[in-house]
């Protein structure tokens, strides 16, 4: 388990304030909720607001068929981040604790803003212009979220490269899992959907995951990194059998998910 002295209680993030965020994550992102519930309380109080924010941002493009309304929802969250940077907090169950988190732990505002802005792709039906555009989307969403989470836990700037590599891999795993739903909603998720191209993309994700481990992020990052514990299994499946991406068959079994998480929590790994 994680017992890093850097995980002292935040001065203004208390359980009653964070409870609505935890409830949102439990309902909307149950795997991540499980991973957070094996983390120390101080880490949970910091990470639940951030992951609830991410969940709200990810949902915003799908809240309406009217692009203008979806754009307005994303702009709301960009404004929340900007105001938090100025020391202001909105009276909102996620925006308020997020503002406290940003203030108490100096989260990178540009990273959070790009996380929101990247979700504009989800609003429209245009495919990614090229592989570089998809890579940038994963960098701003998956990698950016993981880096913000580790910064909230007290990660030093020197850890950014390794943390971002883990987040990029995790973002890719999540994106591949979402492939069937994205297609059902009329999106074109992949630049090249041929089996060999999908396998190569998954291989890149596994290489990023390996770079993250080789970079040895400090132990304080473990509660955040552990939220991506299914990433290598998902990417290995996509690499070996790319057809399973379209068939919504990438998730490990329930037993494998539970055992894998418990083992990592007990060992302090991710």
Protein backbone atom coordinates (compact mmCIF):
# COMPACT_ATOMS: atom_id res chain seq x y z
CA UNK A 1 0.00 0.00 0.00
CA UNK A 2 1.03 3.63 -0.44
CA UNK A 3 2.36 5.50 2.59
CA UNK A 4 4.21 8.44 1.09
CA UNK A 5 4.73 11.36 3.48
CA UNK A 6 3.89 13.78 0.65
CA UNK A 7 0.29 12.61 0.87
CA UNK A 8 -0.63 14.87 3.76
CA UNK A 9 -4.26 16.03 3.94
CA UNK A 10 -5.06 19.00 1.72
CA UNK A 11 -6.01 22.10 3.71
CA UNK A 12 -9.46 22.54 2.15
CA UNK A 13 -10.37 19.20 0.55
CA UNK A 14 -12.50 17.43 3.13
CA UNK A 15 -14.67 14.36 2.71
CA UNK A 16 -18.09 16.13 2.63
CA UNK A 17 -16.86 18.44 -0.14
CA UNK A 18 -15.42 15.60 -2.20
CA UNK A 19 -18.23 13.05 -1.62
CA UNK A 20 -20.33 14.16 -4.64
CA UNK A 21 -17.27 13.77 -6.88
CA UNK A 22 -16.67 10.26 -5.55
CA UNK A 23 -20.31 9.37 -6.23
CA UNK A 24 -20.02 10.62 -9.82
CA UNK A 25 -16.88 8.57 -10.44
CA UNK A 26 -18.41 5.48 -8.81
CA UNK A 27 -21.37 5.64 -11.18
CA UNK A 28 -19.70 6.86 -14.35
CA UNK A 29 -16.22 5.32 -14.13
CA UNK A 30 -16.47 2.30 -11.82
CA UNK A 31 -13.07 0.79 -12.69
CA UNK A 32 -11.29 4.02 -11.80
CA UNK A 33 -13.40 4.26 -8.64
CA UNK A 34 -12.20 0.81 -7.58
CA UNK A 35 -8.59 1.80 -8.10
CA UNK A 36 -9.02 4.96 -6.05
CA UNK A 37 -10.72 3.14 -3.19
CA UNK A 38 -7.53 1.16 -2.50
CA UNK A 39 -5.53 4.41 -2.29
CA UNK A 40 -4.89 6.34 0.94
CA UNK A 41 -7.64 8.74 1.98
CA UNK A 42 -5.49 11.81 1.33
CA UNK A 43 -4.91 10.65 -2.26
CA UNK A 44 -8.59 9.95 -2.78
CA UNK A 45 -9.52 13.44 -1.61
CA UNK A 46 -7.19 14.92 -4.22
CA UNK A 47 -8.00 12.61 -7.10
CA UNK A 48 -11.78 12.29 -6.94
CA UNK A 49 -12.37 15.97 -7.90
CA UNK A 50 -9.96 15.69 -10.81
CA UNK A 51 -11.43 12.47 -12.17
CA UNK A 52 -14.97 13.76 -11.69
CA UNK A 53 -13.96 16.83 -13.70
CA UNK A 54 -12.55 14.56 -16.42
CA UNK A 55 -15.78 12.57 -16.46
CA UNK A 56 -17.91 15.69 -16.81
CA UNK A 57 -15.69 16.98 -19.61
CA UNK A 58 -15.80 13.63 -21.44
CA UNK A 59 -19.60 13.62 -21.23
CA UNK A 60 -20.09 17.19 -22.36
CA UNK A 61 -19.78 16.60 -26.13
CA UNK A 62 -22.47 13.93 -26.00
CA UNK A 63 -24.98 15.85 -23.88
CA UNK A 64 -26.73 17.35 -26.92
CA UNK A 65 -26.97 16.77 -30.65
CA UNK A 66 -26.60 20.52 -31.09
CA UNK A 67 -22.89 21.28 -31.53
CA UNK A 68 -23.33 24.79 -30.15
CA UNK A 69 -24.74 23.45 -26.87
CA UNK A 70 -21.91 20.92 -26.59
CA UNK A 71 -19.39 23.69 -27.25
CA UNK A 72 -20.99 25.77 -24.50
CA UNK A 73 -20.70 22.88 -22.06
CA UNK A 74 -17.02 22.53 -22.79
CA UNK A 75 -16.57 26.28 -22.48
CA UNK A 76 -18.15 26.11 -19.03
CA UNK A 77 -15.34 23.82 -17.89
CA UNK A 78 -12.67 25.96 -19.52
CA UNK A 79 -14.08 28.91 -17.60
CA UNK A 80 -14.07 26.88 -14.38
CA UNK A 81 -10.37 26.15 -14.82
CA UNK A 82 -9.55 29.75 -15.70
CA UNK A 83 -11.48 31.13 -12.71
CA UNK A 84 -9.86 28.60 -10.37
CA UNK A 85 -6.49 29.90 -11.50
CA UNK A 86 -7.64 33.35 -10.39
CA UNK A 87 -8.67 32.03 -6.97
CA UNK A 88 -12.40 31.86 -7.68
CA UNK A 89 -14.64 28.82 -7.26
CA UNK A 90 -18.12 28.25 -8.62
CA UNK A 91 -20.86 26.83 -6.41
CA UNK A 92 -20.92 23.49 -8.21
CA UNK A 93 -20.41 19.97 -6.85
CA UNK A 94 -17.38 19.34 -9.08
CA UNK A 95 -16.18 22.86 -9.90
CA UNK A 96 -15.82 23.88 -6.25
CA UNK A 97 -13.57 21.01 -5.07
CA UNK A 98 -11.65 21.23 -8.35
CA UNK A 99 -10.93 24.90 -7.66
CA UNK A 100 -9.67 24.01 -4.17
CA UNK A 101 -7.47 21.30 -5.67
CA UNK A 102 -6.01 23.70 -8.23
CA UNK A 103 -5.36 26.31 -5.54
CA UNK A 104 -3.89 23.96 -2.94
CA UNK A 105 -1.64 22.01 -5.29
CA UNK A 106 -0.86 24.45 -8.11
CA UNK A 107 -2.15 22.19 -10.87
CA UNK A 108 -1.01 23.19 -14.38
CA UNK A 109 -3.87 25.23 -15.81
CA UNK A 110 -2.68 24.86 -19.39
CA UNK A 111 -2.81 21.07 -19.07
CA UNK A 112 -6.38 21.16 -17.76
CA UNK A 113 -7.45 23.63 -20.44
CA UNK A 114 -6.03 21.47 -23.23
CA UNK A 115 -7.78 18.44 -21.73
CA UNK A 116 -11.10 20.24 -22.20
CA UNK A 117 -10.29 21.73 -25.61
CA UNK A 118 -9.27 18.35 -27.03
CA UNK A 119 -12.80 17.05 -26.46
CA UNK A 120 -14.09 19.29 -29.22
CA UNK A 121 -13.20 16.43 -31.58
CA UNK A 122 -15.93 14.36 -29.92
CA UNK A 123 -18.58 16.91 -30.88
CA UNK A 124 -18.19 16.62 -34.64
CA UNK A 125 -18.09 13.74 -37.11
CA UNK A 126 -14.88 14.73 -38.84
CA UNK A 127 -12.17 12.05 -38.62
CA UNK A 128 -8.72 12.86 -37.31
CA UNK A 129 -6.70 14.56 -40.03
CA UNK A 130 -3.82 12.12 -39.59
CA UNK A 131 -2.11 9.94 -37.01
CA UNK A 132 -0.39 12.97 -35.50
CA UNK A 133 -3.82 14.46 -34.73
CA UNK A 134 -4.92 11.30 -32.91
CA UNK A 135 -1.62 11.21 -31.05
CA UNK A 136 -2.15 14.82 -29.95
CA UNK A 137 -5.69 13.99 -28.77
CA UNK A 138 -4.34 11.17 -26.61
CA UNK A 139 -1.56 13.45 -25.34
CA UNK A 140 -3.99 16.16 -24.27
CA UNK A 141 -6.55 13.79 -22.77
CA UNK A 142 -4.90 10.63 -21.41
CA UNK A 143 -1.38 11.95 -20.84
CA UNK A 144 -2.54 15.33 -19.60
CA UNK A 145 -4.98 13.83 -17.12
CA UNK A 146 -2.36 11.48 -15.69
CA UNK A 147 0.18 14.27 -15.31
CA UNK A 148 -2.37 16.51 -13.56
CA UNK A 149 -3.27 13.64 -11.23
CA UNK A 150 0.36 13.00 -10.32
CA UNK A 151 0.98 16.71 -9.81
CA UNK A 152 -1.97 16.75 -7.41
CA UNK A 153 -0.18 14.04 -5.44
CA UNK A 154 3.07 16.00 -5.31
CA UNK A 155 5.04 14.58 -8.24
CA UNK A 156 8.22 16.49 -9.16
CA UNK A 157 8.51 17.99 -12.63
CA UNK A 158 11.26 15.47 -13.45
CA UNK A 159 8.62 12.72 -13.48
CA UNK A 160 6.56 14.31 -16.25
CA UNK A 161 7.96 12.30 -19.16
CA UNK A 162 7.38 8.92 -17.54
CA UNK A 163 3.97 9.88 -16.21
CA UNK A 164 2.82 11.21 -19.57
CA UNK A 165 3.96 8.01 -21.28
CA UNK A 166 1.78 5.98 -18.92
CA UNK A 167 -1.14 8.36 -19.45
CA UNK A 168 -0.80 8.20 -23.24
CA UNK A 169 -0.88 4.42 -23.14
CA UNK A 170 -3.88 4.47 -20.80
CA UNK A 171 -5.64 6.98 -23.03
CA UNK A 172 -5.09 4.74 -26.04
CA UNK A 173 -6.43 1.70 -24.17
CA UNK A 174 -9.56 3.62 -23.21
CA UNK A 175 -9.97 4.95 -26.74
CA UNK A 176 -9.74 1.46 -28.23
CA UNK A 177 -12.30 0.20 -25.74
CA UNK A 178 -14.62 3.04 -26.80
CA UNK A 179 -14.23 2.19 -30.51
CA UNK A 180 -17.59 0.40 -30.95
CA UNK A 181 -19.55 3.16 -29.23
CA UNK A 182 -17.76 5.88 -31.18
CA UNK A 183 -18.57 4.12 -34.44
CA UNK A 184 -22.19 3.68 -33.35
CA UNK A 185 -22.35 7.44 -32.79
CA UNK A 186 -21.12 8.14 -36.29
CA UNK A 187 -17.47 8.88 -35.51
CA UNK A 188 -14.40 7.60 -37.34
CA UNK A 189 -12.08 6.76 -34.42
CA UNK A 190 -8.96 5.49 -36.20
CA UNK A 191 -6.97 6.99 -39.02
CA UNK A 192 -6.17 3.49 -40.28
CA UNK A 193 -8.51 0.73 -39.19
CA UNK A 194 -6.73 -2.17 -40.90
CA UNK A 195 -5.87 -5.00 -38.48
CA UNK A 196 -2.13 -4.54 -38.96
CA UNK A 197 -2.43 -0.80 -38.28
CA UNK A 198 -4.47 -1.40 -35.11
CA UNK A 199 -1.90 -3.93 -33.91
CA UNK A 200 0.91 -1.46 -34.60
CA UNK A 201 -0.92 1.26 -32.66
CA UNK A 202 -1.41 -1.07 -29.69
CA UNK A 203 2.29 -1.95 -29.89
CA UNK A 204 3.13 1.75 -29.64
CA UNK A 205 0.97 1.95 -26.54
CA UNK A 206 2.78 -0.95 -24.93
CA UNK A 207 6.11 0.70 -25.74
CA UNK A 208 4.91 3.88 -24.03
CA UNK A 209 3.85 1.83 -20.99
CA UNK A 210 7.31 0.24 -20.88
CA UNK A 211 8.96 3.69 -21.08
CA UNK A 212 6.81 4.82 -18.16
CA UNK A 213 8.04 1.95 -16.00
CA UNK A 214 11.62 2.48 -17.12
CA UNK A 215 11.34 6.12 -16.06
CA UNK A 216 10.55 5.03 -12.49
CA UNK A 217 7.99 7.65 -11.41
CA UNK A 218 8.20 8.29 -7.65
CA UNK A 219 6.04 6.25 -5.29
CA UNK A 220 3.79 9.24 -4.62
CA UNK A 221 2.41 8.79 -8.17
CA UNK A 222 1.25 5.21 -7.58
CA UNK A 223 -2.39 5.96 -6.64
CA UNK A 224 -2.87 7.86 -9.91
CA UNK A 225 -0.92 5.46 -12.10
CA UNK A 226 -2.78 2.51 -10.62
CA UNK A 227 -6.04 3.82 -12.13
CA UNK A 228 -4.61 2.58 -15.45
CA UNK A 229 -3.90 -0.94 -14.20
CA UNK A 230 -5.83 -2.60 -17.06
CA UNK A 231 -3.84 -0.81 -19.77
CA UNK A 232 -1.22 -3.46 -20.62
CA UNK A 233 -3.77 -6.29 -20.76
CA UNK A 234 -6.06 -4.27 -23.07
CA UNK A 235 -3.23 -3.27 -25.39
CA UNK A 236 -1.80 -6.78 -25.55
CA UNK A 237 -5.22 -8.11 -26.55
CA UNK A 238 -5.59 -5.43 -29.24
CA UNK A 239 -2.12 -6.21 -30.57
CA UNK A 240 -2.64 -9.97 -30.72
CA UNK A 241 -6.23 -9.91 -32.01
CA UNK A 242 -7.13 -6.52 -33.53
CA UNK A 243 -10.60 -7.76 -34.51
CA UNK A 244 -11.57 -7.65 -30.85
CA UNK A 245 -11.38 -3.84 -30.93
CA UNK A 246 -14.46 -3.59 -33.13
CA UNK A 247 -16.15 -6.38 -31.20
CA UNK A 248 -16.02 -4.63 -27.82
CA UNK A 249 -14.02 -7.55 -26.40
CA UNK A 250 -10.90 -5.89 -25.00
CA UNK A 251 -11.73 -5.69 -21.30
CA UNK A 252 -10.12 -8.34 -19.08
CA UNK A 253 -12.43 -10.66 -17.17
CA UNK A 254 -13.94 -9.50 -13.90
CA UNK A 255 -11.69 -11.89 -11.99
CA UNK A 256 -8.58 -10.65 -13.80
CA UNK A 257 -9.52 -7.02 -13.15
CA UNK A 258 -10.12 -7.54 -9.44
CA UNK A 259 -7.08 -9.73 -8.88
CA UNK A 260 -4.82 -7.45 -10.89
CA UNK A 261 -5.89 -4.40 -8.92
CA UNK A 262 -5.57 -6.11 -5.53
CA UNK A 263 -2.12 -7.44 -6.38
CA UNK A 264 -0.88 -4.01 -7.45
CA UNK A 265 -2.37 -2.35 -4.37
CA UNK A 266 -0.79 -4.87 -2.04
CA UNK A 267 2.61 -4.54 -3.69
CA UNK A 268 2.46 -0.76 -4.00
CA UNK A 269 2.90 -1.06 -7.76
CA UNK A 270 0.87 -0.11 -10.81
